[in-house]
Amino acid sequence: MNRQRLTPSQLDELEAWGAQMADRFEQGIDATPDAELPPLFELSRLRYQRRRVEEETSRAVAAARAEGDSWHRIGLALGTTAEAARQRYRQAA
């Protein structure tokens, strides 16, 4: 995996943002940032979320297959075809 190196100022900015989010969380405020992140941080955050969603989707597909659901029904639930679902998630099932 290609890891991006952050400059000291980017690290300081990320640390400040993290501290702000931690404070909001401790105060019971929704920790979803209202202010925009720097674009590269936002991309990293979105990549992390996409990976988490993909992991959850794979687990759900495996559970659906274990319960006997067809690839057709899984494809419908995912908004794709049975063949596309099978090709993408067959190793998870």
C-alpha atoms as a PDB file:
ATOM      1  CA  MET A   1       0.000   0.000   0.000  1.00  0.00           C
ATOM      2  CA  ASN A   2       1.282   3.450  -0.882  1.00  0.00           C
ATOM      3  CA  ARG A   3       1.386   5.597   2.236  1.00  0.00           C
ATOM      4  CA  GLN A   4       1.483   9.336   1.930  1.00  0.00           C
ATOM      5  CA  ARG A   5       3.968  11.194   4.106  1.00  0.00           C
ATOM      6  CA  LEU A   6       2.566  14.244   5.831  1.00  0.00           C
ATOM      7  CA  THR A   7       4.503  17.430   6.400  1.00  0.00           C
ATOM      8  CA  PRO A   8       4.956  18.681   9.983  1.00  0.00           C
ATOM      9  CA  SER A   9       2.351  21.397   9.385  1.00  0.00           C
ATOM     10  CA  GLN A  10      -0.124  18.817   8.030  1.00  0.00           C
ATOM     11  CA  LEU A  11       0.492  16.630  11.088  1.00  0.00           C
ATOM     12  CA  ASP A  12      -0.116  19.634  13.368  1.00  0.00           C
ATOM     13  CA  GLU A  13      -3.323  20.432  11.492  1.00  0.00           C
ATOM     14  CA  LEU A  14      -4.513  16.836  11.728  1.00  0.00           C
ATOM     15  CA  GLU A  15      -3.685  16.676  15.431  1.00  0.00           C
ATOM     16  CA  ALA A  16      -5.608  19.905  16.086  1.00  0.00           C
ATOM     17  CA  TRP A  17      -8.592  18.580  14.153  1.00  0.00           C
ATOM     18  CA  GLY A  18      -8.461  15.295  16.092  1.00  0.00           C
ATOM     19  CA  ALA A  19      -8.357  17.155  19.398  1.00  0.00           C
ATOM     20  CA  GLN A  20     -11.346  19.239  18.319  1.00  0.00           C
ATOM     21  CA  MET A  21     -13.323  16.119  17.384  1.00  0.00           C
ATOM     22  CA  ALA A  22     -12.384  14.440  20.689  1.00  0.00           C
ATOM     23  CA  ASP A  23     -13.595  17.509  22.601  1.00  0.00           C
ATOM     24  CA  ARG A  24     -16.872  17.491  20.686  1.00  0.00           C
ATOM     25  CA  PHE A  25     -17.322  13.780  21.381  1.00  0.00           C
ATOM     26  CA  GLU A  26     -16.664  14.248  25.103  1.00  0.00           C
ATOM     27  CA  GLN A  27     -19.224  17.068  25.177  1.00  0.00           C
ATOM     28  CA  GLY A  28     -21.809  14.801  23.558  1.00  0.00           C
ATOM     29  CA  ILE A  29     -21.805  16.773  20.323  1.00  0.00           C
ATOM     30  CA  ASP A  30     -21.948  14.932  17.025  1.00  0.00           C
ATOM     31  CA  ALA A  31     -18.295  14.456  16.088  1.00  0.00           C
ATOM     32  CA  THR A  32     -19.016  14.701  12.371  1.00  0.00           C
ATOM     33  CA  PRO A  33     -16.939  17.655  11.282  1.00  0.00           C
ATOM     34  CA  ASP A  34     -18.841  20.700  10.129  1.00  0.00           C
ATOM     35  CA  ALA A  35     -15.758  22.392   8.781  1.00  0.00           C
ATOM     36  CA  GLU A  36     -14.193  20.969   5.689  1.00  0.00           C
ATOM     37  CA  LEU A  37     -11.079  18.905   6.082  1.00  0.00           C
ATOM     38  CA  PRO A  38      -8.087  19.611   3.918  1.00  0.00           C
ATOM     39  CA  PRO A  39      -8.723  17.677   0.686  1.00  0.00           C
ATOM     40  CA  LEU A  40      -6.068  15.005   1.271  1.00  0.00           C
ATOM     41  CA  PHE A  41      -7.364  14.312   4.775  1.00  0.00           C
ATOM     42  CA  GLU A  42     -10.900  14.134   3.434  1.00  0.00           C
ATOM     43  CA  LEU A  43      -9.780  11.629   0.805  1.00  0.00           C
ATOM     44  CA  SER A  44      -8.087   9.506   3.462  1.00  0.00           C
ATOM     45  CA  ARG A  45     -11.212   9.647   5.632  1.00  0.00           C
ATOM     46  CA  LEU A  46     -13.391   8.604   2.705  1.00  0.00           C
ATOM     47  CA  ARG A  47     -11.016   5.771   1.762  1.00  0.00           C
ATOM     48  CA  TYR A  48     -11.251   4.470   5.328  1.00  0.00           C
ATOM     49  CA  GLN A  49     -15.057   4.668   5.275  1.00  0.00           C
ATOM     50  CA  ARG A  50     -15.226   2.928   1.897  1.00  0.00           C
ATOM     51  CA  ARG A  51     -13.038   0.097   3.190  1.00  0.00           C
ATOM     52  CA  ARG A  52     -15.252  -0.293   6.280  1.00  0.00           C
ATOM     53  CA  VAL A  53     -18.439  -0.352   4.175  1.00  0.00           C
ATOM     54  CA  GLU A  54     -16.902  -2.921   1.842  1.00  0.00           C
ATOM     55  CA  GLU A  55     -15.955  -5.133   4.812  1.00  0.00           C
ATOM     56  CA  GLU A  56     -19.479  -4.864   6.236  1.00  0.00           C
ATOM     57  CA  THR A  57     -20.983  -5.598   2.827  1.00  0.00           C
ATOM     58  CA  SER A  58     -18.830  -8.706   2.449  1.00  0.00           C
ATOM     59  CA  ARG A  59     -19.945  -9.965   5.865  1.00  0.00           C
ATOM     60  CA  ALA A  60     -23.591  -9.301   5.035  1.00  0.00           C
ATOM     61  CA  VAL A  61     -23.281 -11.102   1.697  1.00  0.00           C
ATOM     62  CA  ALA A  62     -21.676 -14.095   3.421  1.00  0.00           C
ATOM     63  CA  ALA A  63     -24.495 -14.144   5.975  1.00  0.00           C
ATOM     64  CA  ALA A  64     -27.143 -13.918   3.243  1.00  0.00           C
ATOM     65  CA  ARG A  65     -25.540 -16.785   1.329  1.00  0.00           C
ATOM     66  CA  ALA A  66     -25.293 -18.833   4.542  1.00  0.00           C
ATOM     67  CA  GLU A  67     -29.039 -18.335   4.996  1.00  0.00           C
ATOM     68  CA  GLY A  68     -29.647 -19.571   1.463  1.00  0.00           C
ATOM     69  CA  ASP A  69     -30.323 -16.305  -0.324  1.00  0.00           C
ATOM     70  CA  SER A  70     -29.679 -16.432  -4.068  1.00  0.00           C
ATOM     71  CA  TRP A  71     -27.192 -14.272  -5.907  1.00  0.00           C
ATOM     72  CA  HIS A  72     -30.187 -12.771  -7.691  1.00  0.00           C
ATOM     73  CA  ARG A  73     -31.689 -11.512  -4.415  1.00  0.00           C
ATOM     74  CA  ILE A  74     -28.309 -10.326  -3.152  1.00  0.00           C
ATOM     75  CA  GLY A  75     -27.712  -8.478  -6.415  1.00  0.00           C
ATOM     76  CA  LEU A  76     -31.103  -6.792  -6.100  1.00  0.00           C
ATOM     77  CA  ALA A  77     -30.297  -5.723  -2.531  1.00  0.00           C
ATOM     78  CA  LEU A  78     -26.972  -4.288  -3.697  1.00  0.00           C
ATOM     79  CA  GLY A  79     -28.494  -2.577  -6.720  1.00  0.00           C
ATOM     80  CA  THR A  80     -26.598  -4.699  -9.211  1.00  0.00           C
ATOM     81  CA  THR A  81     -26.973  -7.903 -11.156  1.00  0.00           C
ATOM     82  CA  ALA A  82     -26.671 -11.390  -9.729  1.00  0.00           C
ATOM     83  CA  GLU A  83     -23.577 -12.020 -11.836  1.00  0.00           C
ATOM     84  CA  ALA A  84     -21.865  -8.817 -10.716  1.00  0.00           C
ATOM     85  CA  ALA A  85     -22.629  -9.596  -7.053  1.00  0.00           C
ATOM     86  CA  ARG A  86     -21.368 -13.156  -7.428  1.00  0.00           C
ATOM     87  CA  GLN A  87     -18.159 -12.076  -9.119  1.00  0.00           C
ATOM     88  CA  ARG A  88     -17.408  -9.435  -6.535  1.00  0.00           C
ATOM     89  CA  TYR A  89     -18.398 -11.289  -3.350  1.00  0.00           C
ATOM     90  CA  ARG A  90     -18.107 -15.014  -4.073  1.00  0.00           C
ATOM     91  CA  GLN A  91     -14.966 -15.289  -1.953  1.00  0.00           C
ATOM     92  CA  ALA A  92     -16.810 -13.731   0.996  1.00  0.00           C
ATOM     93  CA  ALA A  93     -19.592 -16.319   0.789  1.00  0.00           C
END
